[in-house]
């Protein structure tokens, strides 16, 4: 296998993962649309806009030419925002070869089609979705680039592809597990951003630890419920991609989703929040997608619904909380249908 990997694109998470690959003695070439950003990575070995003060390995180089980026590589890691995934995959198509290992680390949906990222990639590359690998889990780019101990999961329907990705990334500070439930890992990574937004909003409203603990617990139940309906293994949501990623995204100031929610809770308008962030907040688009996904599958997502009203229908955060607290009494334990139970115990 070639010791060269392409990373598309050069945001914070793509840069952090490129650093892991470089630490594993792989040559990494990052593709970016920005000439200035490419020059900075190549000449200064920094990416100040996305990872301030991080020093990058000389093994990491950058280019604005897609053909150059993927020439001679054994694997392509796509870390584009969900809104740009189809465009990036479409550009890759001209240079894609079936022997390339395709990995993606994007947590979101295509808003217009409600499709998962692996589906979008497979459509554009005209390849089997089951051979694509999803990388997810509790992992802040700011900590990974500092080599803080981190554990993630790589999922694919193809065992060999998952193990190949595991081999590329795993090292002394970046531990990688494999998982066959690609759908569940993708859904968990995307949906937890909604709950992280809500957790930030709760903190912005100074509602305290009790409220946030309840939000995370019921949020996990909510995303598990819709995930199982969409074909995921319920156990995935109790793993790294589920509760692990939910906790880190909903409790850390490194989290864009938490920060955005906190600012909304403090009374800022959505447009002002997004302008101040300067980077993509995937939970915003995912909340919009979840609103329509829940309708499509006939599954109640009360937390996601209230966040949708706050983000897109100008409901006040306090009013959204009152609506959640005032819902009809429920039992805590979720009821799994016989069909679903048989599906995961056959």
Protein backbone atom coordinates (compact mmCIF):
# COMPACT_ATOMS: atom_id res chain seq x y z
CA UNK A 1 0.00 0.00 0.00
CA UNK A 2 1.23 3.47 -0.89
CA UNK A 3 2.32 5.55 2.07
CA UNK A 4 0.51 8.60 0.71
CA UNK A 5 -2.96 9.76 1.75
CA UNK A 6 -5.06 12.64 0.45
CA UNK A 7 -7.20 14.76 2.79
CA UNK A 8 -10.06 16.80 1.37
CA UNK A 9 -10.43 19.57 2.80
CA UNK A 10 -8.10 21.60 5.07
CA UNK A 11 -10.45 22.56 7.91
CA UNK A 12 -9.73 21.98 11.59
CA UNK A 13 -10.76 18.30 11.71
CA UNK A 14 -9.13 17.48 8.38
CA UNK A 15 -5.91 19.10 9.56
CA UNK A 16 -5.97 17.25 12.89
CA UNK A 17 -6.49 13.89 11.17
CA UNK A 18 -3.75 14.74 8.69
CA UNK A 19 -1.46 15.23 11.70
CA UNK A 20 -2.34 11.74 12.97
CA UNK A 21 -1.50 10.25 9.59
CA UNK A 22 1.78 12.17 9.43
CA UNK A 23 2.68 10.95 12.93
CA UNK A 24 2.25 7.43 11.51
CA UNK A 25 4.97 8.17 8.93
CA UNK A 26 2.53 8.69 6.07
CA UNK A 27 2.89 11.46 3.51
CA UNK A 28 -0.25 13.58 3.47
CA UNK A 29 -1.41 15.98 0.80
CA UNK A 30 -4.31 18.23 1.68
CA UNK A 31 -6.62 19.73 -0.91
CA UNK A 32 -7.97 23.21 -0.35
CA UNK A 33 -9.62 25.83 -2.54
CA UNK A 34 -7.53 28.59 -0.95
CA UNK A 35 -4.16 29.46 -2.50
CA UNK A 36 -3.11 31.40 0.61
CA UNK A 37 -4.03 28.52 2.89
CA UNK A 38 -2.05 26.05 0.76
CA UNK A 39 0.97 28.34 0.80
CA UNK A 40 0.76 28.72 4.59
CA UNK A 41 0.62 24.96 5.13
CA UNK A 42 3.52 24.34 2.74
CA UNK A 43 5.80 27.19 3.82
CA UNK A 44 4.95 27.86 7.46
CA UNK A 45 3.57 24.44 8.44
CA UNK A 46 0.60 26.07 10.15
CA UNK A 47 -3.14 26.45 9.53
CA UNK A 48 -3.84 29.44 11.74
CA UNK A 49 -7.45 30.05 10.78
CA UNK A 50 -8.61 26.59 11.80
CA UNK A 51 -6.00 25.40 14.34
CA UNK A 52 -4.20 28.43 15.77
CA UNK A 53 -0.67 27.85 17.09
CA UNK A 54 -0.56 24.19 15.97
CA UNK A 55 2.71 23.23 14.29
CA UNK A 56 2.19 20.82 11.40
CA UNK A 57 4.52 18.08 10.26
CA UNK A 58 6.59 18.73 7.10
CA UNK A 59 5.04 15.47 5.85
CA UNK A 60 1.81 17.45 5.36
CA UNK A 61 1.70 19.38 2.11
CA UNK A 62 -1.20 21.21 0.44
CA UNK A 63 -2.45 21.94 -3.05
CA UNK A 64 -5.42 23.54 -4.76
CA UNK A 65 -5.28 21.00 -7.59
CA UNK A 66 -7.43 17.91 -7.04
CA UNK A 67 -5.46 15.79 -9.53
CA UNK A 68 -2.22 16.51 -7.70
CA UNK A 69 -3.85 15.81 -4.34
CA UNK A 70 -4.97 12.28 -5.18
CA UNK A 71 -2.19 11.19 -7.52
CA UNK A 72 -0.62 7.96 -6.28
CA UNK A 73 -2.56 7.82 -3.00
CA UNK A 74 -3.84 4.62 -1.42
CA UNK A 75 -6.57 6.36 0.57
CA UNK A 76 -8.66 9.50 0.40
CA UNK A 77 -10.05 11.05 3.57
CA UNK A 78 -12.96 13.42 2.93
CA UNK A 79 -13.69 15.92 5.71
CA UNK A 80 -15.78 18.45 3.81
CA UNK A 81 -18.75 20.19 5.46
CA UNK A 82 -21.98 18.31 4.78
CA UNK A 83 -23.20 21.18 2.57
CA UNK A 84 -20.11 20.80 0.34
CA UNK A 85 -19.78 16.99 0.36
CA UNK A 86 -21.52 16.36 -2.96
CA UNK A 87 -19.49 19.05 -4.69
CA UNK A 88 -16.18 17.73 -3.34
CA UNK A 89 -17.05 14.11 -4.18
CA UNK A 90 -18.09 15.20 -7.67
CA UNK A 91 -14.69 16.84 -8.20
CA UNK A 92 -12.95 13.70 -6.95
CA UNK A 93 -14.86 11.50 -9.43
CA UNK A 94 -12.54 12.28 -12.36
CA UNK A 95 -9.53 10.95 -10.46
CA UNK A 96 -11.12 8.21 -8.36
CA UNK A 97 -9.86 4.63 -8.75
CA UNK A 98 -11.69 1.59 -7.33
CA UNK A 99 -8.61 0.48 -5.39
CA UNK A 100 -8.60 3.73 -3.36
CA UNK A 101 -9.79 3.42 0.21
CA UNK A 102 -12.45 6.10 0.74
CA UNK A 103 -12.93 7.35 4.31
CA UNK A 104 -15.12 10.23 5.45
CA UNK A 105 -15.25 12.02 8.81
CA UNK A 106 -18.17 14.41 8.27
CA UNK A 107 -21.09 14.43 10.74
CA UNK A 108 -24.26 15.58 9.02
CA UNK A 109 -26.85 15.08 6.32
CA UNK A 110 -27.42 16.53 2.88
CA UNK A 111 -30.28 18.84 3.83
CA UNK A 112 -32.09 18.76 0.50
CA UNK A 113 -32.17 14.97 0.10
CA UNK A 114 -31.84 13.93 3.79
CA UNK A 115 -29.13 11.46 2.69
CA UNK A 116 -26.20 10.30 4.80
CA UNK A 117 -22.72 11.35 3.69
CA UNK A 118 -21.69 7.84 2.61
CA UNK A 119 -24.72 7.72 0.32
CA UNK A 120 -23.80 11.07 -1.22
CA UNK A 121 -20.20 9.94 -1.79
CA UNK A 122 -21.21 6.60 -3.32
CA UNK A 123 -23.61 8.31 -5.70
CA UNK A 124 -20.99 10.77 -6.92
CA UNK A 125 -18.13 8.26 -7.19
CA UNK A 126 -20.41 5.49 -8.51
CA UNK A 127 -18.94 3.07 -5.97
CA UNK A 128 -20.38 0.65 -3.42
CA UNK A 129 -21.56 2.46 -0.30
CA UNK A 130 -20.67 -0.60 1.75
CA UNK A 131 -16.94 -0.16 1.01
CA UNK A 132 -16.82 3.43 2.26
CA UNK A 133 -15.48 3.88 5.80
CA UNK A 134 -16.92 6.31 8.35
CA UNK A 135 -14.62 7.73 11.04
CA UNK A 136 -16.38 9.14 14.11
CA UNK A 137 -16.23 9.38 17.88
CA UNK A 138 -15.42 11.78 20.74
CA UNK A 139 -12.59 13.82 19.28
CA UNK A 140 -11.88 17.55 19.36
CA UNK A 141 -9.42 18.63 16.67
CA UNK A 142 -7.72 21.00 19.13
CA UNK A 143 -6.83 18.06 21.39
CA UNK A 144 -5.96 15.55 18.67
CA UNK A 145 -3.40 17.90 17.12
CA UNK A 146 -1.76 18.14 20.58
CA UNK A 147 -1.62 14.33 20.73
CA UNK A 148 -4.00 14.07 23.67
CA UNK A 149 -5.24 10.48 24.15
CA UNK A 150 -8.26 10.00 21.86
CA UNK A 151 -10.39 7.01 20.92
CA UNK A 152 -12.56 6.80 17.79
CA UNK A 153 -14.39 4.23 15.70
CA UNK A 154 -14.18 3.39 11.99
CA UNK A 155 -17.24 1.71 10.51
CA UNK A 156 -17.88 -0.05 7.22
CA UNK A 157 -19.98 -2.91 5.95
CA UNK A 158 -16.72 -4.21 4.49
CA UNK A 159 -14.55 -5.62 7.29
CA UNK A 160 -11.32 -5.32 5.28
CA UNK A 161 -11.95 -1.63 4.53
CA UNK A 162 -12.59 -0.84 8.19
CA UNK A 163 -9.44 -2.67 9.24
CA UNK A 164 -7.40 -0.88 6.57
CA UNK A 165 -8.59 2.49 7.93
CA UNK A 166 -7.85 1.32 11.46
CA UNK A 167 -4.30 0.52 10.39
CA UNK A 168 -3.79 3.96 8.86
CA UNK A 169 -4.82 5.94 11.94
CA UNK A 170 -4.08 3.87 15.03
CA UNK A 171 -1.10 4.83 17.18
CA UNK A 172 -0.08 5.38 20.80
CA UNK A 173 -2.37 8.38 21.35
CA UNK A 174 -5.09 7.74 18.75
CA UNK A 175 -6.86 4.45 19.44
CA UNK A 176 -9.23 3.14 16.74
CA UNK A 177 -11.98 0.52 17.05
CA UNK A 178 -13.86 -1.05 14.13
CA UNK A 179 -17.64 -1.37 13.80
CA UNK A 180 -19.83 -2.99 11.15
CA UNK A 181 -22.80 -0.65 11.80
CA UNK A 182 -21.94 2.11 9.34
CA UNK A 183 -25.48 3.51 9.36
CA UNK A 184 -25.57 3.76 13.15
CA UNK A 185 -22.16 5.41 13.39
CA UNK A 186 -23.11 8.01 10.79
CA UNK A 187 -26.49 8.72 12.36
CA UNK A 188 -25.08 8.96 15.89
CA UNK A 189 -22.38 11.39 14.79
CA UNK A 190 -24.86 13.61 13.00
CA UNK A 191 -27.79 13.60 15.43
CA UNK A 192 -25.72 14.21 18.58
CA UNK A 193 -24.89 17.70 17.27
CA UNK A 194 -28.54 18.63 17.78
CA UNK A 195 -28.41 17.64 21.43
CA UNK A 196 -25.10 19.49 21.84
CA UNK A 197 -26.79 22.64 20.56
CA UNK A 198 -29.51 22.14 23.14
CA UNK A 199 -26.96 21.59 25.90
CA UNK A 200 -25.20 24.82 25.01
CA UNK A 201 -28.53 26.63 24.98
CA UNK A 202 -29.32 25.23 28.43
CA UNK A 203 -25.98 26.49 29.73
CA UNK A 204 -26.54 29.87 28.08
CA UNK A 205 -29.83 30.10 29.98
CA UNK A 206 -28.02 29.16 33.24
CA UNK A 207 -30.31 26.18 33.79
CA UNK A 208 -27.61 24.21 35.60
CA UNK A 209 -26.41 20.62 35.66
CA UNK A 210 -29.75 18.96 36.36
CA UNK A 211 -31.26 20.31 33.17
CA UNK A 212 -28.24 19.39 31.03
CA UNK A 213 -28.09 15.86 32.43
CA UNK A 214 -31.75 15.36 31.58
CA UNK A 215 -31.23 16.84 28.12
CA UNK A 216 -28.34 14.51 27.33
CA UNK A 217 -30.16 11.45 28.65
CA UNK A 218 -33.43 12.09 26.86
CA UNK A 219 -31.54 13.30 23.82
CA UNK A 220 -29.70 9.98 23.61
CA UNK A 221 -33.03 8.14 23.82
CA UNK A 222 -34.39 10.36 21.06
CA UNK A 223 -31.54 9.83 18.62
CA UNK A 224 -31.45 6.10 19.37
CA UNK A 225 -35.18 5.85 18.62
CA UNK A 226 -34.89 7.51 15.20
CA UNK A 227 -31.60 5.71 14.49
CA UNK A 228 -33.09 2.25 15.01
CA UNK A 229 -36.03 3.18 12.79
CA UNK A 230 -33.53 4.13 10.06
CA UNK A 231 -31.71 0.79 10.30
CA UNK A 232 -29.05 1.30 12.98
CA UNK A 233 -28.04 -1.13 15.70
CA UNK A 234 -29.25 0.35 19.03
CA UNK A 235 -26.01 -0.71 20.73
CA UNK A 236 -24.03 1.71 18.55
CA UNK A 237 -25.64 4.63 20.39
CA UNK A 238 -24.15 3.44 23.69
CA UNK A 239 -20.66 3.37 22.17
CA UNK A 240 -18.00 5.84 21.08
CA UNK A 241 -19.98 7.26 18.17
CA UNK A 242 -23.07 7.66 20.35
CA UNK A 243 -22.81 8.54 24.00
CA UNK A 244 -19.05 9.12 23.77
CA UNK A 245 -19.34 11.76 21.07
CA UNK A 246 -22.49 13.19 22.64
CA UNK A 247 -20.78 13.84 25.97
CA UNK A 248 -17.70 15.49 24.47
CA UNK A 249 -19.70 17.65 22.05
CA UNK A 250 -22.31 18.72 24.59
CA UNK A 251 -19.97 19.60 27.46
CA UNK A 252 -16.85 21.20 25.99
CA UNK A 253 -16.11 24.77 24.99
CA UNK A 254 -14.09 23.33 22.09
CA UNK A 255 -17.45 22.31 20.58
CA UNK A 256 -18.83 24.68 17.95
CA UNK A 257 -22.30 23.27 18.49
CA UNK A 258 -22.15 23.87 22.25
CA UNK A 259 -20.80 27.41 21.74
CA UNK A 260 -23.48 28.25 19.19
CA UNK A 261 -26.20 26.94 21.51
CA UNK A 262 -24.78 28.89 24.43
CA UNK A 263 -24.84 32.14 22.47
CA UNK A 264 -28.43 31.47 21.40
CA UNK A 265 -29.36 30.81 25.01
CA UNK A 266 -27.87 34.17 25.95
CA UNK A 267 -30.20 35.88 23.52
CA UNK A 268 -28.14 36.30 20.35
CA UNK A 269 -29.79 35.92 16.95
CA UNK A 270 -28.86 32.93 14.76
CA UNK A 271 -27.29 35.03 11.99
CA UNK A 272 -25.14 36.89 14.53
CA UNK A 273 -24.07 33.60 16.12
CA UNK A 274 -23.03 32.09 12.79
CA UNK A 275 -21.14 35.26 11.79
CA UNK A 276 -19.24 35.27 15.07
CA UNK A 277 -18.33 31.58 14.84
CA UNK A 278 -16.55 31.87 11.49
CA UNK A 279 -16.78 28.10 10.92
CA UNK A 280 -19.49 25.60 10.02
CA UNK A 281 -21.86 24.59 12.83
CA UNK A 282 -23.16 21.25 11.56
CA UNK A 283 -25.87 21.01 14.22
CA UNK A 284 -27.82 23.86 12.62
CA UNK A 285 -28.28 22.04 9.32
CA UNK A 286 -28.74 18.71 11.08
CA UNK A 287 -31.60 20.12 13.17
CA UNK A 288 -33.31 21.16 9.96
CA UNK A 289 -32.75 17.73 8.42
CA UNK A 290 -33.95 15.94 11.57
CA UNK A 291 -37.21 17.89 11.52
CA UNK A 292 -38.07 16.38 8.15
CA UNK A 293 -36.52 12.96 8.86
CA UNK A 294 -38.72 12.56 11.95
CA UNK A 295 -41.79 13.36 9.84
CA UNK A 296 -40.68 10.95 7.12
CA UNK A 297 -40.26 8.04 9.56
CA UNK A 298 -43.11 8.99 11.88
CA UNK A 299 -40.84 9.13 14.94
CA UNK A 300 -41.20 11.77 17.65
CA UNK A 301 -38.07 13.90 18.25
CA UNK A 302 -39.32 16.50 20.74
CA UNK A 303 -35.91 18.04 21.54
CA UNK A 304 -34.99 18.35 17.86
CA UNK A 305 -38.44 19.77 17.11
CA UNK A 306 -38.14 22.49 19.74
CA UNK A 307 -34.65 23.41 18.54
CA UNK A 308 -36.02 23.61 15.00
CA UNK A 309 -38.63 26.11 16.21
CA UNK A 310 -35.91 28.17 17.93
CA UNK A 311 -33.52 28.14 14.97
CA UNK A 312 -35.94 28.56 12.09
CA UNK A 313 -39.24 29.83 13.50
CA UNK A 314 -38.04 32.42 16.04
CA UNK A 315 -39.31 30.65 19.14
CA UNK A 316 -37.62 31.90 22.30
CA UNK A 317 -35.34 29.34 23.99
CA UNK A 318 -37.20 29.62 27.30
CA UNK A 319 -40.50 28.96 25.55
CA UNK A 320 -38.99 25.86 23.94
CA UNK A 321 -37.92 24.54 27.34
CA UNK A 322 -41.40 25.16 28.76
CA UNK A 323 -42.90 23.23 25.84
CA UNK A 324 -40.59 20.27 26.55
CA UNK A 325 -41.29 20.28 30.28
CA UNK A 326 -45.03 20.55 29.72
CA UNK A 327 -45.39 17.51 27.49
CA UNK A 328 -47.79 14.73 28.48
CA UNK A 329 -46.47 12.18 31.02
CA UNK A 330 -44.40 9.36 29.52
CA UNK A 331 -42.68 6.16 30.61
CA UNK A 332 -38.90 6.38 30.61
CA UNK A 333 -38.09 3.05 28.95
CA UNK A 334 -38.38 2.98 25.18
CA UNK A 335 -40.53 0.28 23.60
CA UNK A 336 -38.80 -1.65 20.84
CA UNK A 337 -41.05 -3.31 18.30
CA UNK A 338 -40.91 -7.09 17.90
CA UNK A 339 -39.71 -6.63 14.33
CA UNK A 340 -36.77 -4.47 15.44
CA UNK A 341 -35.90 -6.83 18.29
CA UNK A 342 -35.83 -9.81 15.97
CA UNK A 343 -33.73 -7.85 13.48
CA UNK A 344 -30.90 -7.34 16.00
CA UNK A 345 -31.13 -10.72 17.70
CA UNK A 346 -31.37 -12.99 14.67
